[in-house]
Protein backbone atom coordinates (compact mmCIF):
# COMPACT_ATOMS: atom_id res chain seq x y z
CA MET A 1 16.98 10.08 -17.19
CA LYS A 2 13.78 11.72 -16.93
CA ILE A 3 10.95 9.62 -15.62
CA LEU A 4 7.01 10.36 -15.37
CA LEU A 5 5.12 8.97 -12.46
CA VAL A 6 1.57 8.41 -13.40
CA SER A 7 -0.55 8.46 -10.07
CA SER A 8 -4.15 9.26 -9.75
CA ARG A 9 -3.42 10.48 -6.25
CA TYR A 10 -0.37 12.35 -4.89
CA ALA A 11 1.05 14.37 -2.10
CA PRO A 12 -0.51 16.61 -0.76
CA HIS A 13 -3.36 14.58 -1.19
CA VAL A 14 -2.42 11.80 0.43
CA SER A 15 -5.01 8.92 1.67
CA GLY A 16 -2.93 6.03 1.63
CA GLY A 17 0.07 4.42 1.24
CA ALA A 18 0.26 4.23 -2.22
CA GLU A 19 0.65 7.91 -2.64
CA ARG A 20 3.51 7.89 0.15
CA VAL A 21 5.35 4.86 -2.00
CA ALA A 22 5.43 6.99 -4.48
CA GLN A 23 6.35 10.28 -3.16
CA THR A 24 9.23 8.69 -1.52
CA LEU A 25 10.47 7.28 -4.76
CA VAL A 26 10.13 10.32 -6.82
CA GLU A 27 12.24 12.24 -4.22
CA THR A 28 14.80 9.62 -4.02
CA LEU A 29 15.10 9.53 -7.73
CA ALA A 30 15.56 13.52 -7.58
CA SER A 31 18.24 13.01 -4.55
CA LEU A 32 19.84 10.93 -6.93
CA GLY A 33 20.36 13.40 -10.10
CA HIS A 34 17.66 12.22 -12.10
CA GLU A 35 14.11 14.54 -13.22
CA PRO A 36 11.28 13.01 -12.31
CA VAL A 37 7.61 14.66 -13.00
CA VAL A 38 4.39 13.60 -11.64
CA LEU A 39 1.06 13.52 -13.65
CA THR A 40 -1.91 13.24 -11.23
CA THR A 41 -5.37 13.80 -11.46
CA GLN A 42 -7.26 16.66 -9.56
CA HIS A 43 -11.16 17.80 -9.22
CA GLY A 44 -10.57 21.16 -10.76
CA LYS A 45 -11.39 21.94 -14.08
CA GLU A 46 -8.19 23.44 -15.14
CA PRO A 47 -4.87 21.79 -15.70
CA LEU A 48 -2.38 23.22 -12.65
CA GLU A 49 0.90 22.64 -11.77
CA ARG A 50 2.72 22.92 -8.30
CA THR A 51 6.07 21.76 -6.52
CA VAL A 52 6.13 19.05 -3.64
CA GLY A 53 9.09 18.41 -2.11
CA GLY A 54 11.51 19.46 -4.65
CA VAL A 55 9.51 17.66 -7.91
CA ARG A 56 7.27 19.13 -10.34
CA VAL A 57 3.49 17.88 -10.42
CA ARG A 58 1.52 18.11 -13.16
CA ALA A 59 -2.49 17.56 -11.93
CA VAL A 60 -5.28 17.66 -15.15
CA PRO A 61 -8.89 17.44 -14.45
CA LEU A 62 -10.20 13.84 -13.96
CA ARG A 63 -13.05 13.05 -16.59
CA ASN A 64 -15.23 10.57 -15.50
CA VAL A 65 -18.71 10.23 -14.00
CA TYR A 66 -17.79 12.07 -10.63
CA ASP A 67 -14.11 12.34 -9.53
CA LEU A 68 -12.25 10.60 -6.85
CA SER A 69 -12.36 13.18 -4.34
CA ARG A 70 -16.21 12.62 -3.32
CA LYS A 71 -16.07 10.95 -0.56
CA GLN A 72 -19.73 9.28 -0.96
CA ARG A 73 -19.93 8.56 -4.52
CA PRO A 74 -23.58 7.61 -5.95
CA ARG A 75 -24.26 3.80 -6.14
CA SER A 76 -26.29 4.20 -9.10
CA LEU A 77 -23.32 5.83 -11.34
CA LYS A 78 -20.31 3.29 -10.07
CA PRO A 79 -20.72 0.49 -12.55
CA LEU A 80 -20.86 3.40 -15.45
CA TRP A 81 -17.62 4.93 -13.52
CA HIS A 82 -15.93 1.75 -13.62
CA VAL A 83 -17.00 0.63 -17.53
CA ILE A 84 -15.27 3.98 -18.42
CA ASP A 85 -12.31 3.67 -16.39
CA SER A 86 -11.57 0.46 -18.36
CA TRP A 87 -10.69 2.49 -21.01
CA ASN A 88 -11.24 6.23 -20.63
CA PRO A 89 -11.30 7.80 -23.94
CA PHE A 90 -11.54 11.18 -22.22
CA MET A 91 -8.51 11.02 -20.24
CA THR A 92 -5.99 10.20 -23.38
CA ARG A 93 -5.89 13.75 -24.64
CA SER A 94 -4.41 15.26 -21.46
CA VAL A 95 -2.38 12.51 -20.92
CA ALA A 96 -1.15 12.77 -24.39
CA ARG A 97 -0.12 16.34 -23.97
CA ILE A 98 1.80 16.01 -21.09
CA ILE A 99 4.21 13.32 -22.65
CA GLN A 100 4.46 15.62 -25.70
CA GLU A 101 5.35 18.75 -23.25
CA GLU A 102 8.02 16.45 -20.91
CA ARG A 103 9.39 13.94 -23.52
CA PRO A 104 10.05 11.36 -20.76
CA ASP A 105 12.85 8.67 -21.09
CA VAL A 106 10.32 6.12 -19.30
CA ILE A 107 6.69 6.61 -17.85
CA HIS A 108 6.09 5.00 -14.71
CA THR A 109 2.72 4.29 -13.67
CA ASN A 110 1.66 3.90 -10.33
CA LEU A 111 -2.39 4.30 -9.97
CA VAL A 112 -3.71 4.36 -13.32
CA THR A 113 -7.34 4.58 -11.87
CA GLY A 114 -8.85 7.57 -13.53
CA PHE A 115 -6.62 7.65 -15.86
CA SER A 116 -7.84 3.91 -17.34
CA PRO A 117 -5.00 1.63 -18.89
CA SER A 118 -5.58 4.02 -21.82
CA VAL A 119 -2.52 5.89 -20.43
CA TRP A 120 -0.69 2.54 -21.58
CA SER A 121 -1.74 2.72 -25.47
CA VAL A 122 -0.99 6.53 -25.66
CA ALA A 123 2.46 5.70 -24.06
CA ARG A 124 2.89 3.06 -26.98
CA ASP A 125 1.58 5.79 -29.88
CA ALA A 126 4.80 8.01 -28.21
CA GLY A 127 7.16 5.42 -28.58
CA VAL A 128 7.93 6.08 -24.43
CA PRO A 129 8.73 2.58 -22.53
CA VAL A 130 6.48 2.15 -19.80
CA VAL A 131 7.02 0.33 -16.39
CA HIS A 132 3.84 -0.67 -14.48
CA ILE A 133 4.08 -1.16 -10.60
CA ALA A 134 1.08 -3.64 -9.71
CA LEU A 135 0.24 -2.06 -6.45
CA ASP A 136 -3.46 -3.54 -6.02
CA HIS A 137 -5.36 -6.16 -8.13
CA TYR A 138 -6.88 -2.82 -10.52
CA VAL A 139 -5.91 -4.57 -13.61
CA ILE A 140 -8.20 -7.93 -12.97
CA CYS A 141 -10.39 -6.63 -10.12
CA ALA A 142 -13.15 -4.02 -10.27
CA ARG A 143 -12.46 -2.67 -6.78
CA SER A 144 -8.77 -3.61 -6.91
CA GLY A 145 -8.61 -5.27 -3.68
CA MET A 146 -9.99 -8.83 -4.60
CA ALA A 147 -12.22 -8.66 -1.39
CA ILE A 148 -16.29 -7.94 -0.90
CA ASP A 149 -17.03 -6.36 2.29
CA GLY A 150 -14.05 -7.41 4.00
CA VAL A 151 -14.45 -11.21 2.30
CA GLN A 152 -11.79 -12.24 0.22
CA CYS A 153 -12.66 -13.36 -3.58
CA ALA A 154 -11.45 -17.03 -3.76
CA SER A 155 -11.74 -16.23 -7.43
CA GLN A 156 -12.41 -13.42 -10.33
CA HIS A 157 -16.63 -12.53 -10.26
CA ALA A 158 -17.82 -12.44 -13.44
CA SER A 159 -18.47 -8.36 -13.62
CA CYS A 160 -14.70 -8.27 -12.74
CA ALA A 161 -13.71 -10.62 -15.71
CA LEU A 162 -15.59 -8.55 -17.83
CA LEU A 163 -14.65 -5.34 -17.27
CA SER A 164 -10.85 -7.06 -16.93
CA VAL A 165 -10.94 -7.74 -20.48
CA PRO A 166 -9.31 -4.14 -22.04
CA ARG A 167 -7.00 -3.67 -18.93
CA VAL A 168 -5.62 -7.23 -19.66
CA ARG A 169 -5.51 -6.51 -23.36
CA ALA A 170 -3.97 -2.87 -22.42
CA ALA A 171 -1.46 -4.26 -20.43
CA ARG A 172 0.56 -5.83 -23.10
CA THR A 173 1.55 -3.02 -24.59
CA ILE A 174 3.88 -2.23 -21.33
CA SER A 175 7.75 -2.86 -21.23
CA ALA A 176 7.84 -4.69 -17.72
CA VAL A 177 5.96 -4.67 -14.83
CA ILE A 178 7.23 -4.75 -10.84
CA GLY A 179 5.02 -6.07 -8.35
CA PRO A 180 5.98 -5.66 -4.28
CA SER A 181 5.58 -9.13 -3.94
CA GLU A 182 5.32 -12.70 -5.29
CA TYR A 183 1.69 -12.82 -4.12
CA VAL A 184 0.74 -9.66 -6.43
CA LEU A 185 2.44 -11.32 -9.75
CA ARG A 186 1.22 -14.40 -9.06
CA ARG A 187 -2.62 -13.36 -8.65
CA HIS A 188 -2.14 -11.20 -11.91
CA ARG A 189 -0.96 -14.29 -13.72
CA GLN A 190 -3.85 -16.76 -12.54
CA TYR A 191 -5.73 -14.73 -14.91
CA ARG A 192 -3.59 -14.29 -17.73
CA ALA A 193 -2.46 -10.71 -16.82
CA PHE A 194 0.90 -9.04 -17.75
CA ASP A 195 1.66 -12.81 -19.73
CA GLY A 196 4.69 -12.30 -21.56
CA ILE A 197 5.61 -9.14 -19.92
CA PRO A 198 9.00 -9.09 -17.98
CA SER A 199 8.40 -8.88 -14.58
CA PHE A 200 10.33 -8.05 -11.24
CA VAL A 201 9.75 -8.49 -7.76
CA ILE A 202 10.54 -5.40 -5.99
CA PRO A 203 9.84 -4.23 -2.16
CA PHE A 204 8.21 -0.56 -1.91
CA PRO A 205 10.61 2.12 -0.24
CA CYS A 206 10.08 3.07 3.56
CA ASP A 207 11.78 6.29 4.50
CA LEU A 208 11.11 6.23 7.94
CA THR A 209 14.32 6.65 10.20
CA ARG A 210 14.94 5.77 14.04
CA GLY A 211 16.49 7.93 16.81
CA PRO A 212 18.86 6.70 19.69
CA ASP A 213 16.20 5.80 22.06
CA GLU A 214 14.76 3.44 19.46
CA GLU A 215 17.78 1.16 18.70
CA PRO A 216 17.20 -2.34 19.85
CA ALA A 217 19.36 -2.04 22.93
CA ALA A 218 16.93 0.63 23.96
CA ARG A 219 13.93 -1.81 23.10
CA CYS A 220 15.14 -4.49 25.28
CA GLY A 221 15.22 -2.57 28.66
CA ARG A 222 12.22 -1.08 28.32
CA GLY A 223 10.34 -3.63 30.48
CA GLY A 224 7.01 -3.02 31.65
CA PRO A 225 3.76 -4.03 29.79
CA LEU A 226 3.93 -5.22 26.04
CA ARG A 227 2.79 -2.00 23.96
CA ILE A 228 0.83 -3.11 21.41
CA GLY A 229 -0.81 -1.63 18.45
CA ILE A 230 -2.44 -1.21 15.14
CA MET A 231 -1.70 1.09 12.54
CA GLY A 232 -3.95 2.24 9.19
CA ARG A 233 -7.56 2.68 8.36
CA VAL A 234 -10.23 1.22 10.86
CA GLU A 235 -12.16 -0.71 8.69
CA GLU A 236 -14.12 -3.95 9.04
CA ASN A 237 -11.78 -5.70 5.73
CA LYS A 238 -8.69 -4.55 8.06
CA GLY A 239 -8.94 -6.84 10.73
CA VAL A 240 -9.40 -4.29 13.54
CA ARG A 241 -12.70 -6.19 15.08
CA LEU A 242 -10.71 -9.30 15.14
CA LEU A 243 -8.16 -7.99 17.17
CA LEU A 244 -10.31 -6.32 19.10
CA ASP A 245 -12.49 -9.62 20.04
CA ALA A 246 -8.79 -11.33 20.49
CA ALA A 247 -7.69 -8.43 23.30
CA ALA A 248 -10.64 -9.03 24.94
CA ARG A 249 -9.76 -12.44 25.77
CA LEU A 250 -6.32 -11.31 27.18
CA PRO A 251 -5.62 -11.03 30.23
CA SER A 252 -6.48 -7.73 32.38
CA ASN A 253 -2.78 -6.61 32.56
CA GLY A 254 0.67 -6.88 30.94
CA TRP A 255 -0.38 -5.28 28.01
CA ASN A 256 -2.38 -2.04 26.44
CA LEU A 257 -3.58 -1.62 22.95
CA ARG A 258 -3.67 1.68 20.89
CA ILE A 259 -5.43 2.02 17.77
CA ALA A 260 -4.07 4.27 15.25
CA GLY A 261 -5.74 5.43 12.24
CA TRP A 262 -8.89 6.92 10.57
CA GLY A 263 -11.91 5.06 9.54
CA ASP A 264 -16.13 6.02 9.70
CA PRO A 265 -16.92 7.89 12.97
CA ALA A 266 -20.38 5.84 13.56
CA PHE A 267 -17.77 2.53 12.97
CA VAL A 268 -15.42 3.85 15.18
CA ALA A 269 -17.86 4.75 17.88
CA ALA A 270 -19.44 1.63 17.87
CA LEU A 271 -15.99 -0.29 18.35
CA GLN A 272 -15.27 2.03 21.29
CA ALA A 273 -18.52 1.55 22.83
CA ARG A 274 -18.54 -1.96 22.47
CA TYR A 275 -14.89 -2.59 23.80
CA ALA A 276 -14.37 -0.13 26.27
CA ASN A 277 -11.68 -1.17 28.68
CA PRO A 278 -8.81 0.55 30.11
CA LEU A 279 -6.45 -1.21 28.50
CA LEU A 280 -7.50 0.25 25.13
CA GLU A 281 -6.98 3.75 23.44
CA PHE A 282 -8.14 4.87 20.39
CA VAL A 283 -5.82 7.62 19.11
CA GLY A 284 -7.14 8.53 15.53
CA PRO A 285 -4.93 9.39 12.71
CA VAL A 286 -0.69 9.78 14.11
CA ASP A 287 2.36 10.17 12.80
CA PRO A 288 3.88 6.79 12.01
CA ARG A 289 7.37 7.32 13.07
CA SER A 290 6.27 8.56 16.65
CA PHE A 291 3.39 5.90 16.82
CA LEU A 292 5.82 2.99 16.24
CA ALA A 293 8.44 4.40 18.49
CA SER A 294 6.34 4.05 21.53
CA LEU A 295 5.42 -0.07 20.37
CA ASP A 296 6.79 -3.11 21.06
CA LEU A 297 4.64 -5.01 18.81
CA LEU A 298 2.13 -4.03 16.01
CA VAL A 299 -0.42 -6.81 14.89
CA PHE A 300 -1.35 -6.25 11.06
CA PRO A 301 -4.76 -8.48 11.06
CA SER A 302 -6.21 -7.78 6.98
CA LEU A 303 -8.92 -9.85 6.43
CA VAL A 304 -7.95 -8.90 2.60
CA PRO A 305 -5.03 -9.85 0.25
CA ASP A 306 -2.73 -7.13 0.58
CA THR A 307 -0.19 -6.58 -1.88
CA PHE A 308 2.66 -5.69 0.42
CA GLY A 309 1.65 -3.96 3.85
CA MET A 310 3.39 -0.89 4.26
CA SER A 311 2.54 -0.38 7.81
CA ALA A 312 4.19 -3.70 8.42
CA ALA A 313 7.15 -2.33 6.74
CA GLU A 314 7.62 0.32 8.74
CA ALA A 315 7.25 -1.36 11.85
CA LEU A 316 10.15 -3.55 11.06
CA THR A 317 12.07 -0.46 9.68
CA MET A 318 11.46 0.74 13.36
CA GLY A 319 12.47 -2.51 14.89
CA VAL A 320 9.27 -3.59 15.83
CA PRO A 321 8.47 -6.87 15.53
CA VAL A 322 5.00 -7.74 13.59
CA ILE A 323 1.77 -10.18 13.87
CA ALA A 324 0.68 -10.34 10.58
CA SER A 325 -2.59 -12.43 8.94
CA THR A 326 -1.51 -15.03 6.36
CA ARG A 327 -3.45 -12.97 3.72
CA GLY A 328 -1.80 -11.85 0.63
CA ALA A 329 1.98 -10.91 0.23
CA LEU A 330 2.30 -10.64 4.24
CA PRO A 331 3.78 -13.84 4.84
CA GLU A 332 6.86 -13.19 2.24
CA MET A 333 7.60 -10.48 4.83
CA ILE A 334 7.29 -12.10 8.12
CA GLU A 335 9.39 -14.55 9.46
CA LYS A 336 7.99 -16.83 12.65
CA GLY A 337 10.20 -16.08 15.59
CA ARG A 338 12.61 -13.70 14.01
CA ASN A 339 10.72 -10.20 13.13
CA GLY A 340 7.44 -11.70 14.12
CA PHE A 341 4.36 -13.82 13.74
CA LEU A 342 1.71 -15.23 11.66
CA PHE A 343 -1.77 -16.38 12.19
CA ASP A 344 -4.40 -17.70 9.91
CA PRO A 345 -7.77 -15.78 10.22
CA ASP A 346 -9.56 -18.56 8.78
CA GLU A 347 -8.33 -20.57 11.80
CA GLU A 348 -10.61 -20.07 15.23
CA GLY A 349 -8.52 -19.00 17.76
CA SER A 350 -4.94 -18.39 15.71
CA LEU A 351 -4.45 -14.71 16.39
CA ASP A 352 -5.46 -15.59 20.67
CA ARG A 353 -2.70 -18.14 20.69
CA VAL A 354 -0.11 -15.78 18.91
CA LEU A 355 -1.30 -12.83 21.03
CA GLN A 356 -1.93 -14.35 24.53
CA GLN A 357 2.02 -15.76 24.02
CA ALA A 358 3.20 -12.49 23.18
CA VAL A 359 1.75 -11.05 26.40
CA ARG A 360 3.16 -14.02 28.40
CA ASP A 361 6.86 -13.33 27.02
CA PRO A 362 7.32 -9.41 26.51
CA ALA A 363 10.89 -10.17 27.26
CA GLY A 364 11.24 -12.58 23.92
CA VAL A 365 8.93 -10.09 21.94
CA ARG A 366 11.64 -7.10 22.46
CA ARG A 367 14.21 -9.30 21.89
CA LEU A 368 13.29 -9.64 18.10
CA ALA A 369 13.87 -6.10 17.53
CA ALA A 370 17.21 -6.03 16.65
CA ALA A 371 16.43 -9.06 13.79
CA SER A 372 13.38 -7.07 12.70
CA ILE A 373 15.49 -4.12 11.72
CA GLU A 374 18.27 -6.28 9.74
CA SER A 375 14.75 -7.90 7.92
CA ALA A 376 13.93 -4.31 6.93
CA ALA A 377 16.85 -3.31 4.83
CA ARG A 378 15.48 -4.46 1.72
CA PHE A 379 13.41 -1.64 2.04
CA ASP A 380 15.87 0.99 2.08
CA PRO A 381 14.86 3.62 0.04
CA LYS A 382 18.09 4.45 -2.20
CA SER A 383 18.24 0.57 -2.66
CA VAL A 384 14.94 -0.07 -3.62
CA THR A 385 15.17 3.22 -5.84
CA GLU A 386 18.22 1.55 -7.71
CA ARG A 387 16.69 -1.56 -8.66
CA TYR A 388 13.87 0.59 -10.13
CA LEU A 389 16.61 2.63 -11.97
CA ASP A 390 17.87 -0.94 -13.37
CA VAL A 391 14.47 -1.47 -15.10
CA TYR A 392 14.07 1.84 -16.28
CA ARG A 393 17.55 1.06 -17.90
CA SER A 394 16.96 -2.44 -19.18
CA ILE A 395 13.45 -1.32 -21.18
CA ARG A 396 15.42 1.76 -23.20
CA GLN A 397 18.14 -1.21 -24.38
């Protein structure tokens, strides 16, 4: 089967979990004998083609008031960018040309930011069925995160409601929608997105593998201080300050905490100065497998509603239990006392209590390693990809 995967960002330009998910999926599709082709955007003026991981990647120029590669985007142009991105007529010709040249059996849309939902209408006109993956809240939220400045949106704002009208309408043309969690599908249905569209809950694939020294028995026998970590973007809305405040109230020994990931240098420097502690280390960007192999416990303290939680899934795959917030999809992944613990960011002292209990009983935390690995079996790339293929086949019938 030939699958055209549409994603506004793709390797080697990786800025988050969405790109890693897409790459794992297409490379697994290729390993199973299928023919995936990736369509992505780039900031140059001419289309280009490259091979990444044995898969052809075709990149077309992003046509809007600025491209996604700009770190500092003019605030005055952002509203116009979002208006155009609700229905971008400047991208349709490029997308139509690629579809005509590739003639895929199925189109899989991953990140349509930049392409806009007009890609779905182009696919419909070409007679190619589309499966859309609800990676985030893009269809119903201009910012895609249902949060502003780290505060979860209780409901859809008026501006997002207006911008979502063409997106929701265009979504009616797709053949199926897949959500990595029940949460994200339920949230979209709340605003009539994907009404009448067959929907499926399939988790993201996770391709991390463990070494012999990372098996449950080895982890249980570690002893020593509890090794705690957080991995991802170092941002306010990811709960890093909440975690550091809770860590500051822990006992003066029996634990250490490593902060991994990238963030605004000024923000990171301010955190380092305020929370200076010999038990605390900022390690910057890391290789996920190596970093998780060094931990006994991962904390995922997000203040915004994540649609999946890739670093939590990666931790479980490596046998590392997770303390996660009750935001978004995380409660679907974490089973209290089996593969981790949950806390409510809105409840004062909730994270403190969970962390303090973990530090008091590090052996108990390490005993969750085997069950954590067992709970992560559903993230196996081959199993996940086979479920995607079942959906592809169902919409071609």
